[in-house]
């Protein structure tokens, strides 16, 4: 088996173990590798515009808010925006701050007909540490994967 196949199989095993309705769950490092190895794969960042502006962005990620800022209300146009920017046949990985909103986005996309949806565990900022702060335990940024601040 190839590296891509191994990564996706591991992600699918995690999803099955957790009874998730989407294809799988990937760590940030695994998601980055899949993104590099799978032609046409897309990374969809579902954080708010404020998070993207103030915390950082992932180069070449598709940016579609799951919740709108300000107010945190659900984005009623999420699926329309997703369909406009991402082919339903593509392998799609969703990322947010910590992995919660991206889980919801992956579930919603699966229900809308996307077949290869994956959640990026830990998200962009990772879990909170003992001091209730993020960016010290896991996450895309802490792992040292590509990102920039605008």
Protein backbone atom coordinates (compact mmCIF):
# COMPACT_ATOMS: atom_id res chain seq x y z
CA UNK A 1 0.00 0.00 0.00
CA UNK A 2 1.06 3.58 -0.60
CA UNK A 3 1.41 6.38 1.94
CA UNK A 4 -1.87 8.04 0.89
CA UNK A 5 -3.79 4.78 1.19
CA UNK A 6 -2.29 4.14 4.64
CA UNK A 7 -3.20 7.63 5.88
CA UNK A 8 -6.77 7.40 4.63
CA UNK A 9 -7.20 3.91 6.07
CA UNK A 10 -6.02 5.14 9.48
CA UNK A 11 -8.44 8.09 9.25
CA UNK A 12 -11.28 5.74 8.33
CA UNK A 13 -10.48 3.45 11.25
CA UNK A 14 -10.74 6.43 13.61
CA UNK A 15 -14.11 7.34 12.13
CA UNK A 16 -15.42 3.80 12.48
CA UNK A 17 -14.21 3.56 16.08
CA UNK A 18 -16.03 6.80 16.92
CA UNK A 19 -19.12 5.96 14.80
CA UNK A 20 -18.66 9.10 12.71
CA UNK A 21 -20.87 9.55 9.62
CA UNK A 22 -18.03 10.88 7.45
CA UNK A 23 -14.99 9.23 5.88
CA UNK A 24 -12.40 9.86 8.57
CA UNK A 25 -10.41 11.93 11.03
CA UNK A 26 -6.86 13.12 10.40
CA UNK A 27 -4.25 14.77 12.60
CA UNK A 28 -2.94 18.08 11.23
CA UNK A 29 0.30 16.44 10.02
CA UNK A 30 -1.66 13.65 8.32
CA UNK A 31 -4.04 16.16 6.71
CA UNK A 32 -1.09 18.11 5.33
CA UNK A 33 0.39 14.92 3.86
CA UNK A 34 -2.95 13.92 2.32
CA UNK A 35 -3.30 17.41 0.86
CA UNK A 36 0.11 17.03 -0.78
CA UNK A 37 -0.45 13.46 -1.99
CA UNK A 38 -4.06 13.47 -3.21
CA UNK A 39 -4.61 15.31 -6.49
CA UNK A 40 -7.57 17.65 -6.20
CA UNK A 41 -7.87 17.35 -2.40
CA UNK A 42 -9.16 20.49 -0.72
CA UNK A 43 -8.69 21.86 2.78
CA UNK A 44 -11.68 23.93 3.89
CA UNK A 45 -11.07 26.27 6.81
CA UNK A 46 -14.40 26.95 8.52
CA UNK A 47 -13.19 29.47 11.09
CA UNK A 48 -14.64 33.00 11.18
CA UNK A 49 -13.15 35.90 9.25
CA UNK A 50 -12.01 37.36 12.58
CA UNK A 51 -10.12 34.17 13.45
CA UNK A 52 -8.51 34.09 10.03
CA UNK A 53 -7.48 37.76 10.27
CA UNK A 54 -6.31 37.77 13.89
CA UNK A 55 -4.97 34.23 14.43
CA UNK A 56 -3.67 33.15 11.02
CA UNK A 57 -4.47 31.54 7.70
CA UNK A 58 -3.45 28.37 5.90
CA UNK A 59 -2.08 29.06 2.41
CA UNK A 60 -4.37 27.85 -0.38
CA UNK A 61 -7.13 26.69 1.98
CA UNK A 62 -10.71 27.37 0.95
CA UNK A 63 -12.20 29.73 3.56
CA UNK A 64 -15.92 29.36 4.33
CA UNK A 65 -17.28 30.41 7.71
CA UNK A 66 -19.32 27.77 9.54
CA UNK A 67 -20.48 30.40 12.04
CA UNK A 68 -20.62 34.04 11.07
CA UNK A 69 -18.77 36.81 12.85
CA UNK A 70 -19.92 38.75 14.74
CA UNK A 71 -22.61 36.90 16.62
CA UNK A 72 -21.52 33.30 16.07
CA UNK A 73 -24.74 32.43 14.26
CA UNK A 74 -24.64 29.55 11.75
CA UNK A 75 -23.79 30.57 8.19
CA UNK A 76 -27.02 29.84 6.26
CA UNK A 77 -25.07 29.84 2.98
CA UNK A 78 -22.37 27.36 4.03
CA UNK A 79 -23.41 24.53 1.70
CA UNK A 80 -24.06 26.89 -1.23
CA UNK A 81 -20.60 28.41 -0.79
CA UNK A 82 -19.03 24.97 -0.43
CA UNK A 83 -20.69 23.69 -3.63
CA UNK A 84 -19.53 26.80 -5.48
CA UNK A 85 -15.89 26.33 -4.44
CA UNK A 86 -15.36 22.59 -3.91
CA UNK A 87 -16.24 19.72 -6.23
CA UNK A 88 -18.47 17.15 -4.45
CA UNK A 89 -16.22 14.41 -5.86
CA UNK A 90 -13.09 15.87 -4.22
CA UNK A 91 -11.48 14.60 -1.05
CA UNK A 92 -12.38 17.38 1.39
CA UNK A 93 -10.77 18.03 4.76
CA UNK A 94 -12.39 20.47 7.17
CA UNK A 95 -10.47 22.42 9.80
CA UNK A 96 -11.49 24.96 12.46
CA UNK A 97 -9.89 26.18 15.69
CA UNK A 98 -10.15 22.93 17.66
CA UNK A 99 -11.95 20.33 15.53
CA UNK A 100 -15.54 20.89 16.71
CA UNK A 101 -17.00 23.14 13.99
CA UNK A 102 -15.10 21.19 11.35
CA UNK A 103 -16.79 18.02 12.62
CA UNK A 104 -20.17 19.69 12.07
CA UNK A 105 -19.09 20.90 8.62
CA UNK A 106 -17.95 17.39 7.61
CA UNK A 107 -21.27 15.94 8.77
CA UNK A 108 -23.23 18.58 6.85
CA UNK A 109 -21.18 18.09 3.68
CA UNK A 110 -21.71 14.32 3.81
CA UNK A 111 -25.47 14.85 4.12
CA UNK A 112 -25.26 17.19 1.11
CA UNK A 113 -23.67 14.53 -1.09
CA UNK A 114 -19.92 14.93 -0.55
CA UNK A 115 -18.52 11.41 -0.23
CA UNK A 116 -14.93 11.89 0.97
CA UNK A 117 -15.15 14.22 3.99
CA UNK A 118 -12.52 14.27 6.71
CA UNK A 119 -12.22 16.23 9.93
CA UNK A 120 -8.84 17.62 10.99
CA UNK A 121 -8.45 16.73 14.66
CA UNK A 122 -6.99 19.39 16.99
CA UNK A 123 -7.81 22.10 14.42
CA UNK A 124 -5.62 25.12 13.79
CA UNK A 125 -4.94 26.05 17.43
CA UNK A 126 -5.14 22.71 19.24
CA UNK A 127 -6.52 21.92 22.68
CA UNK A 128 -6.31 24.17 25.73
CA UNK A 129 -3.36 23.60 28.05
CA UNK A 130 -3.30 23.67 31.87
CA UNK A 131 -3.39 27.50 31.71
CA UNK A 132 -6.52 27.47 29.50
CA UNK A 133 -4.52 28.63 26.47
CA UNK A 134 -4.35 27.20 22.97
CA UNK A 135 -1.37 26.82 20.56
CA UNK A 136 0.68 24.76 23.01
CA UNK A 137 -0.99 21.33 22.63
CA UNK A 138 -1.40 20.09 19.09
CA UNK A 139 -3.02 21.88 16.20
CA UNK A 140 -1.90 22.91 12.73
CA UNK A 141 0.11 25.93 13.85
CA UNK A 142 1.86 24.23 16.81
CA UNK A 143 2.79 21.29 14.58
CA UNK A 144 4.75 23.71 12.39
CA UNK A 145 2.69 23.33 9.22
CA UNK A 146 2.42 26.22 6.73
CA UNK A 147 0.45 29.25 7.89
CA UNK A 148 0.68 33.03 7.73
CA UNK A 149 -0.78 36.05 9.43
CA UNK A 150 -2.32 38.74 7.23
